[in-house]
Protein backbone atom coordinates (compact mmCIF):
# COMPACT_ATOMS: atom_id res chain seq x y z
CA MET A 1 164.23 149.15 150.89
CA SER A 2 167.82 148.06 151.32
CA THR A 3 168.82 144.44 151.39
CA LYS A 4 171.83 142.85 152.93
CA ALA A 5 174.20 141.63 150.24
CA LEU A 6 175.20 137.96 150.37
CA PRO A 7 178.87 137.10 150.13
CA PRO A 8 179.95 136.24 146.62
CA LEU A 9 179.98 132.62 145.55
CA GLY A 10 183.17 130.94 146.67
CA SER A 11 183.82 133.54 149.35
CA THR A 12 185.12 132.24 152.73
CA SER A 13 183.44 134.96 154.80
CA LEU A 14 180.52 133.94 157.10
CA PRO A 15 177.22 135.68 157.87
CA GLU A 16 176.80 137.38 161.20
CA GLU A 17 176.76 135.01 164.30
CA PRO A 18 173.34 134.10 165.75
CA ALA A 19 172.38 135.07 169.29
CA LEU A 20 174.34 133.29 171.95
CA VAL A 21 172.73 130.09 173.25
CA ASP A 22 171.58 130.15 176.90
CA LEU A 23 174.35 128.06 178.44
CA ALA A 24 172.45 127.57 181.72
CA TYR A 25 169.54 126.01 179.81
CA VAL A 26 171.92 123.75 177.88
CA ARG A 27 173.50 122.56 181.10
CA GLY A 28 170.02 122.04 182.52
CA MET A 29 169.05 119.89 179.53
CA GLU A 30 172.22 117.84 179.93
CA ARG A 31 171.42 117.28 183.62
CA LEU A 32 167.83 116.40 182.73
CA LEU A 33 168.97 113.80 180.19
CA GLN A 34 171.28 112.29 182.79
CA ALA A 35 168.39 112.08 185.26
CA VAL A 36 166.12 110.50 182.62
CA GLN A 37 168.73 107.80 181.98
CA GLU A 38 169.10 107.16 185.70
CA LEU A 39 165.32 106.95 186.11
CA SER A 40 165.12 104.40 183.30
CA LEU A 41 167.33 102.12 185.38
CA ALA A 42 165.51 102.68 188.69
CA ARG A 43 164.04 99.52 190.17
CA SER A 44 162.38 100.85 193.31
CA LEU A 45 160.60 103.94 194.59
CA PRO A 46 163.51 104.84 196.93
CA ASP A 47 165.80 104.78 193.89
CA ILE A 48 163.47 107.18 192.07
CA GLN A 49 163.28 109.49 195.08
CA ARG A 50 167.06 109.64 195.40
CA ILE A 51 167.50 110.47 191.71
CA VAL A 52 164.73 113.08 191.65
CA ARG A 53 165.62 114.94 194.83
CA THR A 54 169.21 115.37 193.64
CA ALA A 55 168.39 116.27 190.04
CA ALA A 56 165.62 118.72 191.05
CA ARG A 57 168.08 120.80 193.07
CA GLU A 58 170.75 120.76 190.41
CA LEU A 59 168.37 121.71 187.59
CA THR A 60 167.44 125.04 189.16
CA GLY A 61 170.19 125.64 191.72
CA CYS A 62 167.55 125.84 194.45
CA ASP A 63 168.16 125.50 198.19
CA GLY A 64 165.84 122.57 198.70
CA ALA A 65 163.77 119.99 196.83
CA THR A 66 160.95 117.72 197.97
CA PHE A 67 159.40 114.56 196.53
CA VAL A 68 155.69 114.39 197.34
CA LEU A 69 153.36 111.41 196.83
CA ARG A 70 149.57 111.49 196.56
CA ASP A 71 148.28 109.14 199.26
CA ASN A 72 144.53 108.74 199.80
CA GLY A 73 143.65 112.42 199.74
CA MET A 74 146.87 113.43 201.46
CA CYS A 75 150.19 114.89 200.37
CA TYR A 76 152.93 112.65 201.72
CA TYR A 77 156.34 114.34 201.76
CA ALA A 78 158.31 111.17 201.08
CA ASP A 79 161.79 112.60 200.57
CA GLU A 80 163.79 115.82 200.44
CA ASP A 81 167.21 117.31 199.79
CA ALA A 82 167.55 120.74 201.40
CA ILE A 83 169.86 123.04 203.33
CA GLU A 84 167.57 122.63 206.35
CA PRO A 85 164.86 120.10 207.29
CA LEU A 86 161.49 120.68 205.62
CA TRP A 87 158.55 118.25 205.92
CA LYS A 88 159.96 114.81 205.18
CA GLY A 89 157.65 112.13 206.58
CA SER A 90 154.73 114.55 207.07
CA ARG A 91 151.23 114.31 205.58
CA PHE A 92 148.92 117.21 204.77
CA PRO A 93 145.46 117.30 203.18
CA LEU A 94 145.53 117.97 199.44
CA GLU A 95 143.26 120.99 199.82
CA ILE A 96 145.57 122.96 202.14
CA CYS A 97 148.94 122.10 200.60
CA ILE A 98 150.61 123.77 197.63
CA SER A 99 151.71 120.37 196.33
CA GLY A 100 148.05 119.33 196.57
CA TRP A 101 147.06 122.44 194.63
CA ALA A 102 149.51 121.50 191.84
CA MET A 103 148.06 117.98 191.73
CA LEU A 104 144.40 119.04 191.88
CA ASN A 105 144.87 121.75 189.22
CA ARG A 106 147.32 119.70 187.14
CA GLU A 107 149.66 122.61 186.65
CA ALA A 108 152.75 124.18 188.10
CA ALA A 109 152.56 126.64 191.01
CA VAL A 110 155.23 129.37 190.63
CA ILE A 111 155.47 131.64 193.68
CA SER A 112 158.15 134.31 194.09
CA ASP A 113 156.97 135.39 197.57
CA ILE A 114 155.17 132.75 199.59
CA TYR A 115 153.81 135.26 202.09
CA LEU A 116 151.90 137.09 199.37
CA ASP A 117 150.17 133.98 198.05
CA HIS A 118 146.89 132.80 199.61
CA ARG A 119 147.51 129.19 198.56
CA ILE A 120 150.40 128.85 200.99
CA PRO A 121 149.73 127.70 204.59
CA HIS A 122 151.97 130.38 206.07
CA ALA A 123 152.10 128.84 209.55
CA ALA A 124 153.66 125.67 208.14
CA TYR A 125 156.32 127.65 206.26
CA ARG A 126 157.40 130.15 208.94
CA PRO A 127 159.73 127.68 210.74
CA THR A 128 161.49 126.97 207.43
CA PHE A 129 163.98 128.83 205.25
CA VAL A 130 161.59 128.99 202.29
CA LYS A 131 160.86 132.35 200.64
CA SER A 132 160.09 131.32 197.03
CA LEU A 133 159.07 128.06 195.39
CA VAL A 134 157.91 126.23 192.32
CA MET A 135 155.80 123.07 192.55
CA VAL A 136 155.06 120.85 189.54
CA PRO A 137 152.73 117.83 189.37
CA ILE A 138 154.09 114.38 188.62
CA ARG A 139 152.02 113.46 185.55
CA LYS A 140 149.54 116.17 184.55
CA LEU A 141 146.82 113.85 183.24
CA ASP A 142 146.29 112.08 186.57
CA PRO A 143 148.85 113.39 189.07
CA VAL A 144 150.38 110.86 191.46
CA GLY A 145 152.64 113.30 193.25
CA ALA A 146 154.60 116.53 192.94
CA ILE A 147 158.15 117.86 192.92
CA GLY A 148 158.93 121.06 194.77
CA ASN A 149 161.88 123.47 194.54
CA TYR A 150 162.50 126.06 197.28
CA TRP A 151 164.72 129.13 197.63
CA ALA A 152 165.90 130.81 200.82
CA HIS A 153 165.52 134.23 199.15
CA GLU A 154 162.81 135.79 197.04
CA ARG A 155 163.24 134.66 193.48
CA GLN A 156 161.15 134.38 190.35
CA PRO A 157 161.86 130.99 188.72
CA THR A 158 162.30 131.31 184.98
CA ASP A 159 160.06 129.62 182.42
CA GLN A 160 163.01 127.46 181.41
CA GLU A 161 163.53 126.27 184.99
CA VAL A 162 159.86 125.42 185.37
CA SER A 163 159.96 123.63 182.03
CA LEU A 164 162.99 121.56 183.06
CA LEU A 165 161.41 120.68 186.39
CA GLN A 166 158.14 119.65 184.72
CA ALA A 167 160.08 117.50 182.24
CA LEU A 168 161.78 115.81 185.20
CA ALA A 169 158.36 115.23 186.77
CA ASP A 170 156.99 113.72 183.56
CA SER A 171 159.95 111.34 183.37
CA THR A 172 159.44 110.51 187.03
CA SER A 173 155.85 109.40 186.39
CA ILE A 174 157.05 106.96 183.72
CA ALA A 175 159.71 105.59 186.05
CA MET A 176 157.13 105.14 188.81
CA GLU A 177 154.83 103.23 186.46
CA ASN A 178 157.75 101.04 185.37
CA VAL A 179 158.64 100.30 188.98
CA GLN A 180 155.02 99.43 189.75
CA ILE A 181 154.82 97.11 186.73
CA LEU A 182 158.13 95.52 187.72
CA ALA A 183 156.91 95.05 191.30
CA GLU A 184 153.70 93.43 190.06
CA LEU A 185 155.65 91.11 187.77
CA GLU A 186 158.03 90.19 190.57
CA GLU A 187 155.08 89.53 192.87
CA ARG A 188 153.50 87.30 190.24
CA VAL A 189 156.78 85.45 189.82
CA ARG A 190 157.06 85.02 193.60
CA ASP A 191 153.46 83.82 193.83
CA ARG A 192 153.93 81.45 190.91
CA THR A 193 157.20 80.17 192.36
CA ALA A 194 155.53 79.64 195.74
CA GLU A 195 152.67 77.78 194.05
CA LEU A 196 155.10 75.58 192.15
CA GLU A 197 157.12 74.89 195.28
CA GLN A 198 153.95 74.01 197.17
CA ALA A 199 152.81 71.78 194.31
CA ASN A 200 156.20 70.03 194.33
CA VAL A 201 155.95 69.53 198.08
CA GLU A 202 152.48 68.06 197.67
CA ILE A 203 153.64 65.83 194.82
CA ARG A 204 156.60 64.60 196.86
CA GLN A 205 154.30 64.06 199.83
CA LEU A 206 151.84 62.10 197.71
CA SER A 207 154.64 59.97 196.31
CA VAL A 208 155.66 58.80 199.80
CA THR A 209 152.21 58.72 201.44
CA ASP A 210 149.69 55.90 201.48
CA GLU A 211 146.51 57.31 199.97
CA MET A 212 144.11 55.29 202.13
CA THR A 213 145.65 55.78 205.56
CA GLY A 214 147.70 58.97 205.24
CA ILE A 215 150.83 57.39 206.72
CA LYS A 216 154.03 56.65 204.79
CA ASN A 217 153.96 54.05 202.02
CA ARG A 218 156.73 51.56 201.15
CA ARG A 219 158.64 54.21 199.20
CA GLY A 220 158.34 56.65 202.09
CA LEU A 221 159.64 53.97 204.47
CA HIS A 222 162.75 53.45 202.35
CA LEU A 223 163.42 57.20 202.06
CA LEU A 224 163.28 57.63 205.84
CA ALA A 225 164.43 54.28 207.20
CA GLU A 226 167.61 53.81 205.18
CA PRO A 227 169.31 57.05 206.38
CA ALA A 228 167.97 56.37 209.91
CA LEU A 229 169.58 52.93 209.93
CA HIS A 230 172.82 54.37 208.57
CA ALA A 231 172.91 57.01 211.32
CA ALA A 232 172.18 54.41 214.03
CA ARG A 233 174.97 52.13 212.82
CA ARG A 234 177.38 55.05 212.61
CA ASP A 235 176.55 56.08 216.19
CA GLY A 236 176.59 52.51 217.52
CA ARG A 237 172.87 52.46 218.36
CA SER A 238 170.53 49.50 218.09
CA CYS A 239 167.11 49.72 216.44
CA LEU A 240 163.81 47.92 216.68
CA LEU A 241 161.82 46.68 213.69
CA ALA A 242 158.20 45.55 213.84
CA PHE A 243 156.35 43.94 210.93
CA ILE A 244 152.58 43.91 211.56
CA ASP A 245 149.89 41.98 209.71
CA VAL A 246 146.11 42.11 210.25
CA ASP A 247 144.50 38.84 211.33
CA GLY A 248 141.30 37.79 209.58
CA LEU A 249 141.05 40.64 207.05
CA LYS A 250 139.94 38.26 204.30
CA GLN A 251 137.01 37.11 206.39
CA VAL A 252 135.97 40.72 207.05
CA ASN A 253 136.18 41.51 203.33
CA ASP A 254 134.18 38.38 202.43
CA VAL A 255 131.46 38.86 205.03
CA LYS A 256 131.25 42.64 205.52
CA GLY A 257 132.61 43.86 202.19
CA HIS A 258 135.85 45.47 201.10
CA GLY A 259 134.68 48.91 202.19
CA VAL A 260 134.50 47.68 205.79
CA GLY A 261 137.87 46.00 205.32
CA ASP A 262 139.33 49.33 204.22
CA ASP A 263 137.87 50.93 207.35
CA LEU A 264 139.61 48.30 209.47
CA ILE A 265 142.96 49.07 207.81
CA THR A 266 142.43 52.81 208.32
CA ASP A 267 141.54 52.28 211.99
CA LEU A 268 144.65 50.20 212.55
CA ALA A 269 146.82 52.87 210.90
CA GLN A 270 145.37 55.49 213.25
CA ILE A 271 145.92 53.26 216.28
CA LEU A 272 149.54 52.66 215.30
CA ALA A 273 150.15 56.35 214.55
CA ALA A 274 148.76 57.31 217.97
CA ASN A 275 151.06 54.87 219.78
CA VAL A 276 154.44 55.54 218.19
CA ARG A 277 156.79 58.42 218.90
CA LYS A 278 157.59 61.22 216.45
CA SER A 279 161.04 59.73 215.94
CA ASP A 280 159.58 56.35 214.96
CA ILE A 281 158.96 55.56 211.30
CA LEU A 282 155.54 54.07 210.52
CA ALA A 283 154.52 52.86 207.08
CA ARG A 284 151.90 50.76 205.34
CA MET A 285 153.73 48.22 203.23
CA GLY A 286 150.67 47.37 201.20
CA GLY A 287 147.45 45.43 201.73
CA ASP A 288 147.14 44.65 205.43
CA GLU A 289 150.85 44.90 206.29
CA PHE A 290 152.47 47.65 208.33
CA CYS A 291 155.99 48.37 209.54
CA ILE A 292 157.47 50.37 212.43
CA LEU A 293 161.16 51.25 212.72
CA VAL A 294 162.20 52.49 216.17
CA THR A 295 165.66 54.11 216.28
CA ASP A 296 165.66 54.80 220.03
CA PRO A 297 168.41 52.54 221.49
CA ASP A 298 166.52 52.29 224.80
CA ALA A 299 163.35 50.91 223.16
CA GLU A 300 162.40 47.43 224.35
CA PRO A 301 160.54 44.96 222.12
CA ALA A 302 158.35 43.89 225.00
CA ASP A 303 157.35 47.47 225.73
CA LEU A 304 156.35 48.13 222.12
CA ARG A 305 154.36 44.89 221.96
CA ARG A 306 152.59 45.75 225.22
CA ARG A 307 151.66 49.29 224.11
CA LEU A 308 150.22 48.07 220.83
CA ALA A 309 148.29 45.27 222.51
CA GLU A 310 146.78 47.69 225.04
CA ALA A 311 145.83 50.14 222.28
CA LEU A 312 144.07 47.40 220.28
CA ARG A 313 142.26 46.11 223.36
CA SER A 314 141.07 49.63 224.24
CA PHE A 315 139.85 50.20 220.67
CA ASN A 316 137.99 46.89 220.50
CA GLU A 317 136.26 47.58 223.83
CA THR A 318 135.19 51.15 223.09
CA ALA A 319 134.83 51.61 219.33
CA ALA A 320 131.46 50.82 217.74
CA ARG A 321 132.76 48.84 214.79
CA PRO A 322 131.40 45.72 213.06
CA TYR A 323 134.80 44.05 213.60
CA LEU A 324 137.53 43.46 216.16
CA ILE A 325 141.11 44.24 215.20
CA SER A 326 143.74 41.59 215.80
CA THR A 327 147.32 41.58 214.54
CA SER A 328 150.36 39.36 214.30
CA ILE A 329 153.70 41.06 214.92
CA GLY A 330 157.19 40.08 213.87
CA LEU A 331 159.48 41.95 216.24
CA MET A 332 163.28 42.05 216.05
CA GLN A 333 166.14 44.07 217.44
CA ILE A 334 168.83 45.27 215.02
CA SER A 335 172.33 45.55 216.41
CA PRO A 336 174.70 48.28 215.17
CA SER A 337 176.94 45.60 213.67
CA ASP A 338 174.13 44.18 211.53
CA THR A 339 174.87 45.31 207.96
CA SER A 340 171.78 43.79 206.35
CA THR A 341 169.88 45.89 203.86
CA LEU A 342 166.48 47.26 204.77
CA GLU A 343 164.79 44.73 202.48
CA GLU A 344 166.67 41.89 204.16
CA LEU A 345 165.64 43.16 207.59
CA LEU A 346 162.02 43.46 206.47
CA ALA A 347 162.10 39.89 205.13
CA ARG A 348 163.37 38.59 208.48
CA ALA A 349 160.74 40.54 210.42
CA ASP A 350 158.09 39.31 207.99
CA GLN A 351 159.18 35.73 208.66
CA LEU A 352 158.92 36.30 212.40
CA MET A 353 155.41 37.67 211.89
CA TYR A 354 154.34 34.53 210.00
CA GLN A 355 155.79 32.33 212.73
CA GLU A 356 153.68 34.15 215.30
CA LYS A 357 150.56 33.88 213.10
CA LYS A 358 151.11 30.13 212.59
CA SER A 359 151.63 29.60 216.32
CA ARG A 360 148.23 31.19 216.97
CA LEU A 361 146.54 28.91 214.45
CA ALA A 362 148.23 25.77 215.77
């Protein structure tokens, strides 16, 4: 048996060259790696579809490529890149579709002549250019879709082409999972952000709301009334300020109990809320004291006093309560030129209220 002599030590001659590398396969691998990198950056299903439909055609030089999704027992042809329209937007049952066959059997379907293969619904293919195809499942373990390549002439796809296409499909499944995970995380972030925003709204609302009556508290009055006064002065409009105090609350608390006294305060808050306009600012200052700021320049003190008196009279005549509600009101008009602070205005209205209360007791 003869043996091939090796070149002597130190010789510069080389052994015979190996077989030439398949350049088409090398280019296919380079294109596959590019697609894998693009898929790793995809952040949505449309991004994945765009990458896959383009790469699938370039990997095999086919005339058309489709991106199929498994959707509740149906094959949904979500996207395509082809020389002529195929089935984009259509749905077919898994059992009658070649993409469904690839998903159900978890393997590639390689067909050189579609009209000689019983798995092909020939009627659906006759209007198209398709003569040959290869269909690979997206994820063999539990397929979620398929990628199809089509040729306008009879052709037998090579093992290397099928291998490249299947590798693209495997990478696609990972990208789809990543997109789903990202979408779930983003949804959780949105939900959490919405919850935090709602919690902040509720906290802010609680901070300016009187817990017992549900109307604004002293802090809420300041937050709303100060900019309202500023706007009225800027526009040359007068305002109306009413400071209201419950008459005889101590007697109700002493005789009926503080729970009944709280009911009286709540009833008065509801009466006031029902008889002011949306533009008016109503607040409980604390204890049995309330305040109303009216920024309507046409509002008349006498009209406000009359409306409140009629509302109290109607309540006392119709409501089955163990008390009658009576109030003393300090009512004043604020001219646009009055530059007093809100606290100073409240003090003046409070003084007017006490004058009215004393006049009733005199």
